[in-house]
Amino acid sequence: MTIKRSIATACFCCLLFTVLSGQYLDQPIDSSRFSAEQSFLIETLASTDSVDNVLSVPNVFTPNGDDINDYFEVTTNGTTVYEFSVFTRYGTRVYYSLSPRIFWDGQSSGGLDLSEGIYYYVIEETGNSEPFEKAGFIHLFR
């Protein structure tokens, strides 16, 4: 997981604006226009787990109680179990769940509201011989 953090940090530094803008392309991406790090990040934004479920992971959410984007939620098939962890930029794990539902309300595992900022997440599929793993950044706005 340390290598993935290093790669994700490098990608994050190169593509901060692109990732946080939340824009999606309607046409296929011409990967020849991008560097290796950028191509890696684009490919990981929408990837599939070991049972070919497409996991489309949001990159921004606003848990402020207005019922619009209040939760970080990834749609799954509801049967595959995922280990979901959220870390601060210093590497401290602030949230953890082991569930078929990938969901976070912006609070720590202890129930405290976390401050606005950028967090690092890791999603790992469990119970499979070749587990799926996805990692990236999420921006929490209050």
N, C-alpha and C. Protein backbone atom coordinates (compact mmCIF):
# COMPACT_ATOMS: atom_id res chain seq x y z
N MET A 1 0.81 -1.18 0.00
CA MET A 1 0.00 0.00 0.00
C MET A 1 0.86 1.26 0.00
N THR A 2 2.08 1.19 0.49
CA THR A 2 2.97 2.34 0.51
C THR A 2 3.31 2.80 -0.90
N ILE A 3 3.53 1.86 -1.81
CA ILE A 3 3.84 2.21 -3.19
C ILE A 3 2.66 2.91 -3.83
N LYS A 4 1.46 2.41 -3.59
CA LYS A 4 0.27 3.04 -4.16
C LYS A 4 0.10 4.46 -3.63
N ARG A 5 0.42 4.66 -2.35
CA ARG A 5 0.34 6.02 -1.81
C ARG A 5 1.31 6.95 -2.52
N SER A 6 2.54 6.46 -2.76
CA SER A 6 3.55 7.28 -3.43
C SER A 6 3.12 7.63 -4.84
N ILE A 7 2.61 6.65 -5.56
CA ILE A 7 2.15 6.88 -6.93
C ILE A 7 0.99 7.85 -6.94
N ALA A 8 0.04 7.64 -6.04
CA ALA A 8 -1.13 8.51 -5.99
C ALA A 8 -0.73 9.93 -5.61
N THR A 9 0.23 10.08 -4.71
CA THR A 9 0.68 11.42 -4.33
C THR A 9 1.32 12.13 -5.51
N ALA A 10 2.15 11.42 -6.28
CA ALA A 10 2.78 12.01 -7.46
C ALA A 10 1.73 12.41 -8.49
N CYS A 11 0.75 11.53 -8.71
CA CYS A 11 -0.32 11.84 -9.66
C CYS A 11 -1.13 13.04 -9.18
N PHE A 12 -1.39 13.07 -7.90
CA PHE A 12 -2.16 14.16 -7.33
C PHE A 12 -1.46 15.50 -7.55
N CYS A 13 -0.17 15.54 -7.33
CA CYS A 13 0.58 16.78 -7.51
C CYS A 13 0.55 17.25 -8.95
N CYS A 14 0.58 16.31 -9.90
CA CYS A 14 0.58 16.65 -11.32
C CYS A 14 -0.80 17.05 -11.83
N LEU A 15 -1.84 16.49 -11.26
CA LEU A 15 -3.17 16.65 -11.83
C LEU A 15 -4.21 17.21 -10.87
N LEU A 16 -3.81 18.00 -9.92
CA LEU A 16 -4.73 18.51 -8.92
C LEU A 16 -5.97 19.14 -9.54
N PHE A 17 -5.78 20.04 -10.45
CA PHE A 17 -6.92 20.73 -11.03
C PHE A 17 -7.81 19.79 -11.83
N THR A 18 -7.22 18.93 -12.63
CA THR A 18 -8.00 18.02 -13.48
C THR A 18 -8.86 17.09 -12.65
N VAL A 19 -8.30 16.51 -11.61
CA VAL A 19 -9.04 15.54 -10.80
C VAL A 19 -10.15 16.20 -10.02
N LEU A 20 -9.89 17.34 -9.43
CA LEU A 20 -10.88 17.98 -8.58
C LEU A 20 -11.96 18.73 -9.35
N SER A 21 -11.76 18.91 -10.65
CA SER A 21 -12.76 19.64 -11.43
C SER A 21 -14.04 18.84 -11.60
N GLY A 22 -13.94 17.48 -11.53
CA GLY A 22 -15.12 16.64 -11.63
C GLY A 22 -15.71 16.55 -13.02
N GLN A 23 -14.96 16.94 -14.04
CA GLN A 23 -15.47 16.89 -15.40
C GLN A 23 -15.22 15.51 -15.99
N TYR A 24 -16.19 15.02 -16.72
CA TYR A 24 -16.08 13.72 -17.37
C TYR A 24 -16.17 13.91 -18.87
N LEU A 25 -15.40 13.13 -19.59
CA LEU A 25 -15.37 13.22 -21.04
C LEU A 25 -16.45 12.33 -21.64
N ASP A 26 -17.10 12.79 -22.72
CA ASP A 26 -18.10 12.01 -23.41
C ASP A 26 -17.50 11.14 -24.50
N GLN A 27 -16.29 11.43 -24.89
CA GLN A 27 -15.66 10.68 -25.96
C GLN A 27 -14.44 9.95 -25.43
N PRO A 28 -13.93 8.94 -26.16
CA PRO A 28 -12.77 8.21 -25.70
C PRO A 28 -11.57 9.13 -25.48
N ILE A 29 -10.76 8.78 -24.52
CA ILE A 29 -9.60 9.59 -24.18
C ILE A 29 -8.43 9.23 -25.08
N ASP A 30 -7.79 10.23 -25.68
CA ASP A 30 -6.59 10.01 -26.48
C ASP A 30 -5.40 10.02 -25.54
N SER A 31 -4.95 8.82 -25.14
CA SER A 31 -3.92 8.72 -24.11
C SER A 31 -2.55 9.19 -24.59
N SER A 32 -2.36 9.39 -25.90
CA SER A 32 -1.06 9.85 -26.39
C SER A 32 -0.79 11.29 -25.98
N ARG A 33 -1.83 12.03 -25.57
CA ARG A 33 -1.66 13.42 -25.15
C ARG A 33 -1.15 13.55 -23.73
N PHE A 34 -1.17 12.46 -22.96
CA PHE A 34 -0.88 12.54 -21.54
C PHE A 34 0.43 11.83 -21.19
N SER A 35 1.01 12.24 -20.06
CA SER A 35 2.19 11.57 -19.54
C SER A 35 1.78 10.22 -18.94
N ALA A 36 2.74 9.41 -18.56
CA ALA A 36 2.45 8.09 -17.98
C ALA A 36 1.65 8.22 -16.69
N GLU A 37 2.01 9.21 -15.84
CA GLU A 37 1.29 9.39 -14.58
C GLU A 37 -0.15 9.82 -14.83
N GLN A 38 -0.35 10.72 -15.79
CA GLN A 38 -1.69 11.18 -16.10
C GLN A 38 -2.54 10.04 -16.67
N SER A 39 -1.97 9.24 -17.55
CA SER A 39 -2.70 8.11 -18.13
C SER A 39 -3.10 7.12 -17.04
N PHE A 40 -2.19 6.86 -16.09
CA PHE A 40 -2.48 5.95 -14.98
C PHE A 40 -3.67 6.45 -14.18
N LEU A 41 -3.67 7.76 -13.86
CA LEU A 41 -4.74 8.33 -13.06
C LEU A 41 -6.07 8.28 -13.80
N ILE A 42 -6.08 8.58 -15.09
CA ILE A 42 -7.31 8.55 -15.88
C ILE A 42 -7.88 7.15 -15.91
N GLU A 43 -7.02 6.14 -16.08
CA GLU A 43 -7.49 4.76 -16.13
C GLU A 43 -8.07 4.30 -14.79
N THR A 44 -7.57 4.85 -13.68
CA THR A 44 -8.04 4.41 -12.38
C THR A 44 -9.30 5.13 -11.91
N LEU A 45 -9.73 6.19 -12.59
CA LEU A 45 -10.92 6.91 -12.16
C LEU A 45 -12.17 6.04 -12.26
N ALA A 46 -12.29 5.22 -13.28
CA ALA A 46 -13.42 4.30 -13.40
C ALA A 46 -12.84 2.93 -13.74
N SER A 47 -12.71 2.07 -12.76
CA SER A 47 -12.14 0.76 -12.99
C SER A 47 -13.09 -0.31 -12.49
N THR A 48 -12.79 -1.56 -12.84
CA THR A 48 -13.68 -2.65 -12.49
C THR A 48 -13.02 -3.54 -11.45
N ASP A 49 -13.84 -4.12 -10.57
CA ASP A 49 -13.31 -5.06 -9.60
C ASP A 49 -13.20 -6.44 -10.23
N SER A 50 -12.88 -7.45 -9.44
CA SER A 50 -12.61 -8.78 -9.98
C SER A 50 -13.84 -9.47 -10.56
N VAL A 51 -15.04 -9.01 -10.23
CA VAL A 51 -16.24 -9.59 -10.82
C VAL A 51 -16.85 -8.63 -11.84
N ASP A 52 -16.01 -7.74 -12.39
CA ASP A 52 -16.37 -6.80 -13.45
C ASP A 52 -17.46 -5.81 -13.09
N ASN A 53 -17.55 -5.45 -11.83
CA ASN A 53 -18.42 -4.36 -11.43
C ASN A 53 -17.68 -3.06 -11.67
N VAL A 54 -18.30 -2.13 -12.36
CA VAL A 54 -17.66 -0.84 -12.59
C VAL A 54 -17.82 -0.01 -11.33
N LEU A 55 -16.69 0.42 -10.79
CA LEU A 55 -16.72 1.26 -9.60
C LEU A 55 -16.39 2.69 -10.03
N SER A 56 -17.38 3.52 -10.06
CA SER A 56 -17.21 4.91 -10.41
C SER A 56 -17.12 5.70 -9.10
N VAL A 57 -15.93 6.19 -8.81
CA VAL A 57 -15.67 6.82 -7.51
C VAL A 57 -15.71 8.34 -7.65
N PRO A 58 -16.56 9.01 -6.87
CA PRO A 58 -16.59 10.47 -6.91
C PRO A 58 -15.31 11.05 -6.31
N ASN A 59 -15.02 12.32 -6.62
CA ASN A 59 -13.80 12.91 -6.07
C ASN A 59 -14.09 14.11 -5.16
N VAL A 60 -15.37 14.50 -5.03
CA VAL A 60 -15.74 15.63 -4.18
C VAL A 60 -17.09 15.31 -3.52
N PHE A 61 -17.25 15.69 -2.25
CA PHE A 61 -18.56 15.64 -1.63
C PHE A 61 -18.65 16.70 -0.55
N THR A 62 -19.89 17.05 -0.19
CA THR A 62 -20.12 18.16 0.72
C THR A 62 -21.10 17.75 1.83
N PRO A 63 -20.61 17.16 2.90
CA PRO A 63 -21.50 16.73 3.99
C PRO A 63 -21.94 17.89 4.88
N ASN A 64 -22.74 18.79 4.30
CA ASN A 64 -23.15 19.99 5.03
C ASN A 64 -24.64 20.01 5.36
N GLY A 65 -25.35 18.90 5.11
CA GLY A 65 -26.75 18.80 5.50
C GLY A 65 -27.75 19.37 4.52
N ASP A 66 -27.33 19.75 3.31
CA ASP A 66 -28.28 20.31 2.35
C ASP A 66 -28.89 19.25 1.44
N ASP A 67 -28.63 17.98 1.70
CA ASP A 67 -29.15 16.84 0.93
C ASP A 67 -28.65 16.80 -0.51
N ILE A 68 -27.58 17.51 -0.83
CA ILE A 68 -26.95 17.46 -2.15
C ILE A 68 -25.50 17.06 -1.95
N ASN A 69 -25.12 15.90 -2.47
CA ASN A 69 -23.75 15.37 -2.34
C ASN A 69 -23.30 15.30 -0.89
N ASP A 70 -24.18 14.92 0.01
CA ASP A 70 -23.84 14.85 1.43
C ASP A 70 -23.00 13.63 1.78
N TYR A 71 -22.92 12.65 0.87
CA TYR A 71 -22.21 11.41 1.18
C TYR A 71 -21.25 11.04 0.06
N PHE A 72 -20.14 10.43 0.45
CA PHE A 72 -19.23 9.80 -0.50
C PHE A 72 -19.73 8.37 -0.61
N GLU A 73 -20.25 8.00 -1.79
CA GLU A 73 -20.80 6.66 -1.96
C GLU A 73 -20.42 6.11 -3.32
N VAL A 74 -19.98 4.86 -3.32
CA VAL A 74 -19.62 4.17 -4.55
C VAL A 74 -20.63 3.05 -4.74
N THR A 75 -21.28 3.02 -5.89
CA THR A 75 -22.27 1.99 -6.17
C THR A 75 -21.58 0.65 -6.41
N THR A 76 -22.03 -0.37 -5.71
CA THR A 76 -21.47 -1.72 -5.85
C THR A 76 -22.60 -2.70 -6.14
N ASN A 77 -22.25 -3.98 -6.33
CA ASN A 77 -23.29 -4.98 -6.59
C ASN A 77 -24.00 -5.41 -5.31
N GLY A 78 -23.53 -5.01 -4.15
CA GLY A 78 -24.18 -5.30 -2.89
C GLY A 78 -23.82 -6.65 -2.28
N THR A 79 -23.02 -7.45 -2.97
CA THR A 79 -22.63 -8.76 -2.42
C THR A 79 -21.13 -8.87 -2.20
N THR A 80 -20.33 -8.22 -3.03
CA THR A 80 -18.88 -8.23 -2.85
C THR A 80 -18.52 -7.37 -1.64
N VAL A 81 -17.69 -7.90 -0.75
CA VAL A 81 -17.30 -7.16 0.46
C VAL A 81 -16.03 -6.37 0.18
N TYR A 82 -16.04 -5.10 0.57
CA TYR A 82 -14.90 -4.21 0.37
C TYR A 82 -14.40 -3.69 1.70
N GLU A 83 -13.09 -3.55 1.79
CA GLU A 83 -12.45 -2.88 2.91
C GLU A 83 -12.19 -1.46 2.44
N PHE A 84 -12.77 -0.50 3.14
CA PHE A 84 -12.69 0.91 2.73
C PHE A 84 -12.02 1.70 3.85
N SER A 85 -10.93 2.39 3.52
CA SER A 85 -10.20 3.19 4.50
C SER A 85 -10.01 4.60 3.97
N VAL A 86 -10.06 5.57 4.87
CA VAL A 86 -9.83 6.97 4.53
C VAL A 86 -8.69 7.47 5.42
N PHE A 87 -7.74 8.17 4.81
CA PHE A 87 -6.55 8.65 5.51
C PHE A 87 -6.42 10.17 5.35
N THR A 88 -5.78 10.80 6.34
CA THR A 88 -5.42 12.21 6.22
C THR A 88 -4.21 12.32 5.32
N ARG A 89 -3.82 13.53 4.99
CA ARG A 89 -2.64 13.72 4.15
C ARG A 89 -1.35 13.30 4.86
N TYR A 90 -1.43 13.09 6.16
CA TYR A 90 -0.27 12.64 6.93
C TYR A 90 -0.24 11.14 7.10
N GLY A 91 -1.24 10.44 6.56
CA GLY A 91 -1.27 8.98 6.62
C GLY A 91 -2.00 8.39 7.80
N THR A 92 -2.68 9.21 8.57
CA THR A 92 -3.44 8.72 9.71
C THR A 92 -4.80 8.23 9.23
N ARG A 93 -5.14 6.99 9.55
CA ARG A 93 -6.44 6.47 9.14
C ARG A 93 -7.52 7.07 10.04
N VAL A 94 -8.51 7.71 9.41
CA VAL A 94 -9.57 8.36 10.16
C VAL A 94 -10.91 7.66 10.01
N TYR A 95 -11.02 6.77 9.03
CA TYR A 95 -12.27 6.05 8.82
C TYR A 95 -11.97 4.68 8.25
N TYR A 96 -12.75 3.68 8.69
CA TYR A 96 -12.58 2.31 8.19
C TYR A 96 -13.93 1.60 8.19
N SER A 97 -14.17 0.83 7.12
CA SER A 97 -15.36 -0.02 7.10
C SER A 97 -15.05 -1.29 6.32
N LEU A 98 -15.73 -2.35 6.67
CA LEU A 98 -15.65 -3.63 5.97
C LEU A 98 -17.08 -4.02 5.68
N SER A 99 -17.50 -3.82 4.40
CA SER A 99 -18.91 -3.94 4.07
C SER A 99 -19.09 -4.07 2.56
N PRO A 100 -20.24 -4.58 2.11
CA PRO A 100 -20.53 -4.57 0.68
C PRO A 100 -20.88 -3.16 0.18
N ARG A 101 -21.08 -2.25 1.09
CA ARG A 101 -21.41 -0.86 0.75
C ARG A 101 -20.22 0.04 1.01
N ILE A 102 -19.81 0.80 0.00
CA ILE A 102 -18.72 1.77 0.15
C ILE A 102 -19.37 3.12 0.36
N PHE A 103 -19.29 3.63 1.60
CA PHE A 103 -20.06 4.79 2.00
C PHE A 103 -19.29 5.54 3.10
N TRP A 104 -19.29 6.88 3.02
CA TRP A 104 -18.65 7.70 4.05
C TRP A 104 -19.43 9.00 4.18
N ASP A 105 -19.69 9.40 5.41
CA ASP A 105 -20.47 10.62 5.67
C ASP A 105 -19.61 11.80 6.12
N GLY A 106 -18.30 11.69 6.01
CA GLY A 106 -17.41 12.79 6.39
C GLY A 106 -17.06 12.82 7.86
N GLN A 107 -17.39 11.74 8.57
CA GLN A 107 -17.06 11.66 9.99
C GLN A 107 -15.97 10.62 10.21
N SER A 108 -15.27 10.76 11.31
CA SER A 108 -14.26 9.78 11.68
C SER A 108 -14.96 8.51 12.16
N SER A 109 -14.20 7.45 12.35
CA SER A 109 -14.77 6.20 12.86
C SER A 109 -15.39 6.41 14.24
N GLY A 110 -14.91 7.42 14.97
CA GLY A 110 -15.44 7.73 16.30
C GLY A 110 -16.66 8.63 16.26
N GLY A 111 -17.12 9.05 15.08
CA GLY A 111 -18.32 9.87 14.95
C GLY A 111 -18.11 11.37 14.97
N LEU A 112 -16.85 11.82 14.89
CA LEU A 112 -16.58 13.26 14.89
C LEU A 112 -16.54 13.78 13.45
N ASP A 113 -17.08 14.99 13.24
CA ASP A 113 -17.00 15.61 11.91
C ASP A 113 -15.55 15.94 11.60
N LEU A 114 -15.10 15.50 10.42
CA LEU A 114 -13.73 15.81 10.00
C LEU A 114 -13.69 17.16 9.31
N SER A 115 -12.54 17.80 9.35
CA SER A 115 -12.42 19.13 8.76
C SER A 115 -12.37 19.06 7.24
N GLU A 116 -12.69 20.17 6.64
CA GLU A 116 -12.63 20.30 5.19
C GLU A 116 -11.21 20.05 4.72
N GLY A 117 -11.06 19.37 3.60
CA GLY A 117 -9.73 19.13 3.06
C GLY A 117 -9.70 17.95 2.12
N ILE A 118 -8.49 17.55 1.77
CA ILE A 118 -8.27 16.44 0.85
C ILE A 118 -7.87 15.21 1.64
N TYR A 119 -8.54 14.11 1.37
CA TYR A 119 -8.28 12.84 2.04
C TYR A 119 -7.91 11.79 0.99
N TYR A 120 -7.19 10.79 1.42
CA TYR A 120 -6.76 9.69 0.56
C TYR A 120 -7.60 8.47 0.93
N TYR A 121 -8.14 7.76 -0.06
CA TYR A 121 -8.93 6.57 0.22
C TYR A 121 -8.32 5.34 -0.43
N VAL A 122 -8.58 4.19 0.15
CA VAL A 122 -8.18 2.90 -0.40
C VAL A 122 -9.39 1.98 -0.33
N ILE A 123 -9.73 1.39 -1.47
CA ILE A 123 -10.82 0.42 -1.54
C ILE A 123 -10.19 -0.91 -1.94
N GLU A 124 -10.37 -1.92 -1.10
CA GLU A 124 -9.82 -3.25 -1.38
C GLU A 124 -10.93 -4.28 -1.32
N GLU A 125 -11.01 -5.09 -2.35
CA GLU A 125 -11.98 -6.18 -2.37
C GLU A 125 -11.44 -7.31 -1.51
N THR A 126 -12.29 -7.94 -0.72
CA THR A 126 -11.83 -9.03 0.14
C THR A 126 -12.42 -10.36 -0.33
N GLY A 127 -11.79 -11.44 0.10
CA GLY A 127 -12.31 -12.78 -0.17
C GLY A 127 -12.11 -13.28 -1.57
N ASN A 128 -11.12 -12.79 -2.30
CA ASN A 128 -10.87 -13.24 -3.65
C ASN A 128 -9.38 -13.54 -3.80
N SER A 129 -9.04 -14.52 -4.64
CA SER A 129 -7.63 -14.89 -4.81
C SER A 129 -6.82 -13.77 -5.47
N GLU A 130 -7.44 -12.99 -6.34
CA GLU A 130 -6.79 -11.83 -6.95
C GLU A 130 -7.61 -10.59 -6.61
N PRO A 131 -7.41 -10.05 -5.42
CA PRO A 131 -8.27 -8.95 -4.98
C PRO A 131 -8.06 -7.67 -5.78
N PHE A 132 -9.13 -6.95 -5.93
CA PHE A 132 -9.15 -5.66 -6.60
C PHE A 132 -8.78 -4.59 -5.57
N GLU A 133 -7.98 -3.62 -6.00
CA GLU A 133 -7.62 -2.51 -5.12
C GLU A 133 -7.67 -1.22 -5.90
N LYS A 134 -8.25 -0.19 -5.30
CA LYS A 134 -8.33 1.13 -5.92
C LYS A 134 -8.01 2.16 -4.85
N ALA A 135 -7.26 3.17 -5.25
CA ALA A 135 -6.90 4.22 -4.32
C ALA A 135 -6.96 5.57 -5.03
N GLY A 136 -7.19 6.62 -4.27
CA GLY A 136 -7.24 7.95 -4.86
C GLY A 136 -7.51 9.00 -3.81
N PHE A 137 -7.91 10.19 -4.27
CA PHE A 137 -8.13 11.32 -3.40
C PHE A 137 -9.58 11.77 -3.45
N ILE A 138 -10.06 12.25 -2.33
CA ILE A 138 -11.42 12.78 -2.22
C ILE A 138 -11.33 14.14 -1.52
N HIS A 139 -12.03 15.12 -2.04
CA HIS A 139 -12.03 16.45 -1.43
C HIS A 139 -13.33 16.62 -0.68
N LEU A 140 -13.23 16.90 0.60
CA LEU A 140 -14.37 17.10 1.48
C LEU A 140 -14.55 18.62 1.67
N PHE A 141 -15.70 19.13 1.25
CA PHE A 141 -16.05 20.53 1.45
C PHE A 141 -17.15 20.60 2.50
N ARG A 142 -17.08 21.54 3.39
CA ARG A 142 -18.13 21.73 4.42
C ARG A 142 -18.97 22.92 4.05
